[in-house]
Amino acid sequence: MSLQGKRIAILVEDDFEDPELTEPLAALRAAGAQVITVGSGTKGYYRGKRRRTTIRVDTSADKVKAADFDAIIVPGGYAPDRMRLHQPMIDLVREVHRQGKVVAAVCHGPQLLISADIVRGRRLTSWASVAIDLKNAGAHWVDEPVVRDGNLITSRRPADLPQFNAAIIEALGG
């Protein structure tokens, strides 16, 4: 499965769930994709919630455009709640979605999708505590390891990452 020539953004903010960033990053790079880490712009390095990972970002959300990417990934942890405070991150997710490109989120990541107003009428999954937020935003929440609804791919937790990564690679034609 080759993703040669594909450009994928992974959004980064403090307190991301470590494996929900590092495992998709490694899987997509191993598949040949160019993965760009995109921060909120508050700093150059961000730390994972478990303090096992520190990520130096390549750029910030205010310096990129949706047209630069084939897909965007939102890891979970506490980071998505912080990302929601940065309009350029919300706008980037909304525009990638509007262009019909892959938008993938795991665990608490769908919180950012709610802020981007792209979940209404869509079938999604997430960490269980985010279910009520998704339902209130008009989504149909299901408890499944990975859910693909058109260009949206969502997953529940770190244990589901192998299926999540495979779904992203498949959606990108790998």
Protein backbone atom coordinates (compact mmCIF):
# COMPACT_ATOMS: atom_id res chain seq x y z
CA MET A 1 0.00 0.00 0.00
CA SER A 2 1.65 3.16 -1.15
CA LEU A 3 0.62 6.68 -0.30
CA GLN A 4 3.49 8.14 -2.31
CA GLY A 5 2.68 11.74 -3.19
CA LYS A 6 -0.01 12.12 -0.50
CA ARG A 7 0.32 14.98 2.01
CA ILE A 8 -1.34 14.53 5.38
CA ALA A 9 -1.63 17.01 8.23
CA ILE A 10 -1.70 15.83 11.83
CA LEU A 11 -2.92 18.52 14.19
CA VAL A 12 -0.95 18.99 17.40
CA GLU A 13 -1.62 20.78 20.69
CA ASP A 14 -0.48 20.07 24.26
CA ASP A 15 -1.80 16.97 26.02
CA PHE A 16 -2.48 14.87 22.92
CA GLU A 17 -2.94 11.16 23.66
CA ASP A 18 0.60 9.99 22.84
CA PRO A 19 -0.10 6.86 20.73
CA GLU A 20 -3.00 8.56 18.93
CA LEU A 21 -0.46 10.91 17.37
CA THR A 22 2.64 8.73 17.11
CA GLU A 23 1.03 5.57 15.70
CA PRO A 24 -0.84 7.22 12.79
CA LEU A 25 2.27 9.34 12.10
CA ALA A 26 4.44 6.21 11.85
CA ALA A 27 1.88 4.18 9.88
CA LEU A 28 1.30 6.91 7.30
CA ARG A 29 5.00 7.60 6.85
CA ALA A 30 5.62 3.86 6.49
CA ALA A 31 2.97 3.84 3.74
CA GLY A 32 4.94 6.54 1.91
CA ALA A 33 2.90 9.64 2.77
CA GLN A 34 4.44 12.98 3.60
CA VAL A 35 3.10 13.83 7.07
CA ILE A 36 3.19 17.43 8.26
CA THR A 37 2.65 18.22 11.94
CA VAL A 38 0.54 21.34 12.32
CA GLY A 39 0.38 23.14 15.66
CA SER A 40 -1.95 25.79 16.96
CA GLY A 41 0.77 28.40 16.73
CA THR A 42 1.24 28.84 20.47
CA LYS A 43 4.70 27.22 20.41
CA GLY A 44 7.07 25.03 18.43
CA TYR A 45 6.97 21.92 20.64
CA TYR A 46 4.00 20.15 22.23
CA ARG A 47 3.94 17.41 24.86
CA GLY A 48 1.74 14.37 25.04
CA LYS A 49 -0.63 13.85 27.93
CA ARG A 50 1.34 10.82 29.12
CA ARG A 51 4.60 12.83 28.84
CA ARG A 52 6.17 10.08 26.72
CA THR A 53 6.25 12.16 23.55
CA THR A 54 7.32 15.65 22.61
CA ILE A 55 6.54 16.74 19.06
CA ARG A 56 8.23 19.57 17.21
CA VAL A 57 5.69 20.87 14.72
CA ASP A 58 6.51 21.63 11.11
CA THR A 59 4.18 24.62 10.87
CA SER A 60 1.07 26.22 12.36
CA ALA A 61 -2.55 26.16 11.23
CA ASP A 62 -2.55 29.82 10.29
CA LYS A 63 0.27 29.22 7.78
CA VAL A 64 -1.28 26.38 5.76
CA LYS A 65 -4.30 25.91 3.49
CA ALA A 66 -6.64 22.97 3.03
CA ALA A 67 -5.41 22.73 -0.58
CA ASP A 68 -1.98 21.75 0.81
CA PHE A 69 -3.28 18.40 2.08
CA ASP A 70 -5.04 15.21 1.01
CA ALA A 71 -6.17 14.47 4.57
CA ILE A 72 -6.13 15.79 8.11
CA ILE A 73 -5.92 13.81 11.36
CA VAL A 74 -7.01 14.95 14.81
CA PRO A 75 -5.55 12.87 17.66
CA GLY A 76 -7.35 12.68 20.98
CA GLY A 77 -6.44 13.30 24.58
CA TYR A 78 -7.03 16.77 25.97
CA ALA A 79 -5.54 18.40 22.86
CA PRO A 80 -8.79 18.69 20.84
CA ASP A 81 -10.37 20.81 23.56
CA ARG A 82 -7.35 23.13 23.34
CA MET A 83 -7.44 23.10 19.53
CA ARG A 84 -11.03 24.38 19.62
CA LEU A 85 -9.70 27.65 21.04
CA HIS A 86 -7.74 28.35 17.84
CA GLN A 87 -9.91 29.48 14.94
CA PRO A 88 -7.28 28.62 12.28
CA MET A 89 -7.43 24.96 13.38
CA ILE A 90 -11.23 24.92 13.21
CA ASP A 91 -11.19 26.65 9.83
CA LEU A 92 -8.60 24.21 8.44
CA VAL A 93 -10.68 21.17 9.45
CA ARG A 94 -13.87 22.74 8.05
CA GLU A 95 -12.21 23.57 4.72
CA VAL A 96 -10.52 20.16 4.31
CA HIS A 97 -13.97 18.63 4.87
CA ARG A 98 -15.66 21.08 2.46
CA GLN A 99 -13.17 20.03 -0.22
CA GLY A 100 -14.23 16.39 0.30
CA LYS A 101 -10.86 15.29 1.61
CA VAL A 102 -10.34 12.77 4.40
CA VAL A 103 -10.91 14.11 7.92
CA ALA A 104 -9.98 11.53 10.56
CA ALA A 105 -10.36 11.89 14.33
CA VAL A 106 -9.81 9.51 17.21
CA CYS A 107 -10.93 9.49 20.86
CA HIS A 108 -11.68 13.11 21.84
CA GLY A 109 -10.69 14.33 18.34
CA PRO A 110 -14.33 14.65 17.21
CA GLN A 111 -14.66 17.60 19.60
CA LEU A 112 -12.80 19.64 16.98
CA LEU A 113 -15.13 18.30 14.28
CA ILE A 114 -18.07 19.57 16.35
CA SER A 115 -16.50 23.03 16.51
CA ALA A 116 -15.99 22.91 12.74
CA ASP A 117 -19.72 22.13 12.40
CA ILE A 118 -19.21 19.08 10.17
CA VAL A 119 -20.88 16.29 12.18
CA ARG A 120 -24.62 17.00 11.72
CA GLY A 121 -26.35 14.01 10.14
CA ARG A 122 -23.14 11.98 10.01
CA ARG A 123 -22.39 8.59 11.61
CA LEU A 124 -19.38 8.76 13.97
CA THR A 125 -17.70 7.16 16.95
CA SER A 126 -15.47 8.55 19.69
CA TRP A 127 -14.40 8.11 23.27
CA ALA A 128 -17.63 7.36 25.16
CA SER A 129 -17.70 10.65 27.06
CA VAL A 130 -17.78 12.59 23.76
CA ALA A 131 -20.88 10.70 22.56
CA ILE A 132 -23.35 13.12 24.15
CA ASP A 133 -21.55 16.09 22.57
CA LEU A 134 -21.73 14.45 19.14
CA LYS A 135 -25.41 13.60 19.58
CA ASN A 136 -26.16 17.16 20.70
CA ALA A 137 -24.37 18.42 17.57
CA GLY A 138 -26.65 16.26 15.39
CA ALA A 139 -24.40 13.27 14.75
CA HIS A 140 -25.46 9.63 14.94
CA TRP A 141 -23.01 8.12 17.47
CA VAL A 142 -22.16 4.40 17.43
CA ASP A 143 -19.85 2.32 19.60
CA GLU A 144 -17.62 0.70 16.97
CA PRO A 145 -13.81 0.56 16.62
CA VAL A 146 -13.77 2.58 13.39
CA VAL A 147 -16.54 4.34 11.50
CA ARG A 148 -16.25 5.72 7.98
CA ASP A 149 -19.02 7.98 6.76
CA GLY A 150 -17.99 9.44 3.43
CA ASN A 151 -14.82 11.43 3.98
CA LEU A 152 -15.09 11.29 7.81
CA ILE A 153 -13.21 8.53 9.65
CA THR A 154 -13.53 8.25 13.42
CA SER A 155 -12.27 5.86 16.06
CA ARG A 156 -12.72 5.36 19.80
CA ARG A 157 -9.42 4.76 21.58
CA PRO A 158 -5.77 3.67 21.33
CA ALA A 159 -6.68 -0.03 21.09
CA ASP A 160 -8.50 0.77 17.82
CA LEU A 161 -5.52 2.49 16.17
CA PRO A 162 -4.54 -0.41 13.85
CA GLN A 163 -8.03 -0.34 12.28
CA PHE A 164 -8.08 3.48 12.28
CA ASN A 165 -4.73 3.67 10.48
CA ALA A 166 -5.82 1.02 7.96
CA ALA A 167 -9.05 2.92 7.24
CA ILE A 168 -7.15 6.15 6.57
CA ILE A 169 -4.68 4.41 4.27
CA GLU A 170 -7.51 2.70 2.40
CA ALA A 171 -9.48 5.95 2.05
CA LEU A 172 -6.40 7.61 0.54
CA GLY A 173 -6.11 4.84 -2.02
CA GLY A 174 -3.27 2.93 -0.40
